[in-house]
Each structure stands twice: as C-alpha cells, then as structure tokens.
Amino acid sequence: MRSLIIARQEIKLLTKEKTVVLLIIILLGLALTSTFIGWLSQHNIQQVYDVASAQLVSEGKSAPPSPFTNFPDLSVVKNMLIYIVICGALLAIALGHSSGVRDRKAGSVKMLFSHPINKRDFLLGKILAISFVLFLTLLVAFCVSAMSSAILVKLTGIDFLRLIGFYLFSFVYLIGFAILGLSFGLIMKNEAVGLLIPIIIWLSITFVLPGFTSSLYPTASLNPILPITESHTPTLDLLHSIVNPFSIAEHYKQSGAYILNLGDSFSGNISLETNLIYMSLILLWTLICILISFIAINKFNPANEELNE
C-alpha cells in the first residue's frame, strides 16, 4: 500500500519534468517517422519498378515480379527496432535516473523516511512509477504505429496482434534499462556518474559486444546481415559462444523482427526455438536489473542524501 502511494506521487512528478516529457515526445515522433520512412522507401522502389516494368513490356520482354510480392506489411515499422534499441533505451535510462536522484536533489529523503516506510517499499514504488510511465509511452507509440500503418498499408488482425506483441516485448527490454538508471541514480554520490554508468552499460551491450561478436568471423564482417552457419575454428566458436549471450541488443532486434514476421532478411533466419532462447535472455536481463536494484537499495542510506551534480 505504501508502495502505491509512492508510485502515484512519483508518476505526478515524472510527468511534470520537461526533460522526461521531451524524451517521450521524441519517441512518439520516431514511431510516426518510422512508419513514414518505411512506407516512403517502399513507395519509391515500387515507382522505379513500375517504370522499369512498363519499359520492359513495351520492348516485348517479360517483367520480373514486384520486389514487394508477399512482402510483410509490418516492414513499414522495421525502423522501430533500431529506434527502440538506441533512443528508447536512452529514454528509459533517463527516466529511471531522474526518478532515482529527484528526492536526493530535493533533500527530502530524510523527511520521507521519517514516516513508517522501508527501503523496499520506496524501491517498489519507484519501479511501479517508471514502469507505468514507460508502459504508457509505449502504448501511445503503439497507437501511433498502428494508426499510421493502417493508413499507409493494409493490415490484418494478425498484424495488429504482432504489433501489440512487439511493443510488449519492447517494454520488457526497456524496463531493464530504466531500473538500471534508477539503481545508479540512488546510490552514486555524483549525479553525472550515476547517469554515465548505465549509459556505458548500454553502449557495451548495444555496440561493443555485437561488434566484437561479428568481428570474430571474417565472413560476418563482410556480410553482417546473413546468419553465421559455418564454423571456422574451435577458438572462434568458443569466443562466440561466450560473448553472444550478452549481446542483448542483437537478441532484441532479431526477436523483435521475428515477432513482427519481417522475414529472414530482418530476423536472421532464426527458428522458433532460437527466438524463445533470445526472448528468455531478454527476460533474464530484466530480472538481473531488478536484482541490481535490490542490491542498490540495500546500500542506499537515507541518512546520507548528499548528491554532487
């Protein structure tokens, strides 16, 4: 009950912060931009195909099939995979970090804990609040993607269900970053360091680890889109098996593409079993972040609320 009271107050404060509101507006704008760019690129290619086909027919030649024959309609939102990995994760970190440092900056921690409240109630209230704000943001982003996609292309009921599944999966992925931002915002004495550490973690799993994994295989560096099916040496295989589970961003992109049914060129030709493994790793990542938050709250000292900006 005390956690819900803290959560309600935290939601009010989060929605009043200009930085958080701006980041939310940016994510919603990206949802709309993703659909428009995806549709526009297909439209331009289709126009080129129509002109080329008409010329071939006029010359008495047969035209090849359209490049978008049996092409998934939800491919218009494929850019959201990248936007979520980059902008969405940064939004989540900023959201969590803001929630973690606010009371410390305001100097209200001692007064807050003078009431009958324990640290776990405090943490749970914070997590509920950032989860609600993040879920609401993704819900609006889903509405933007669904409406804009329905206007530009013909979507079926299955497509809408896939889109819902994609945004729910994105929530599970992003809430880990939000909790990470919250955890370091609570315990670091320097506000900038508390924000920098989760960003470094995000950079590592988004760019460093995927780059290191692909660079293990020369063929992957030449053609990173195609899945790696050929083993080169036992040493490279061992390194790949060690590093690959930590490439959370890559797992998210492939599983997200699988959920949206974007085809092998986007999902990397992964099977259902592999997709379930990737989704389990994303869930494990979120659970690890929750565990980190409980470790952080145990180290959190309400009597010492100094925060250096």
Foldseek 3Di string as FASTA:
>chain_A
DLLQVLLVVLLVVQVPDPVLVVLLVVLLVVLLVLLVVLLVVLVVLQVVLVVVQVVCVVVVHHRDDDPCVVFFLLSSNLCVLVCLLPSVLLSLLVSLLCLQQVCLVVVCLVVVVVPPDALVSNLSSSLSNSLVVSLVSLVSSLVSNVVSSVVRDPDDPLLNVLSVVLSVLSSLLNSLSNLQSNLLSNADQESVVSSVVSVVLSCCLAPVLVVVLQVLDPVCVVPVQADDDDDDDPVNVVVNVVRVLSNLSLLSFLLSCVSSVRDCSRNNPDDPVSNVVSSVSSNVSSVVSVVSSVVSSVNRDSVDSRHHD
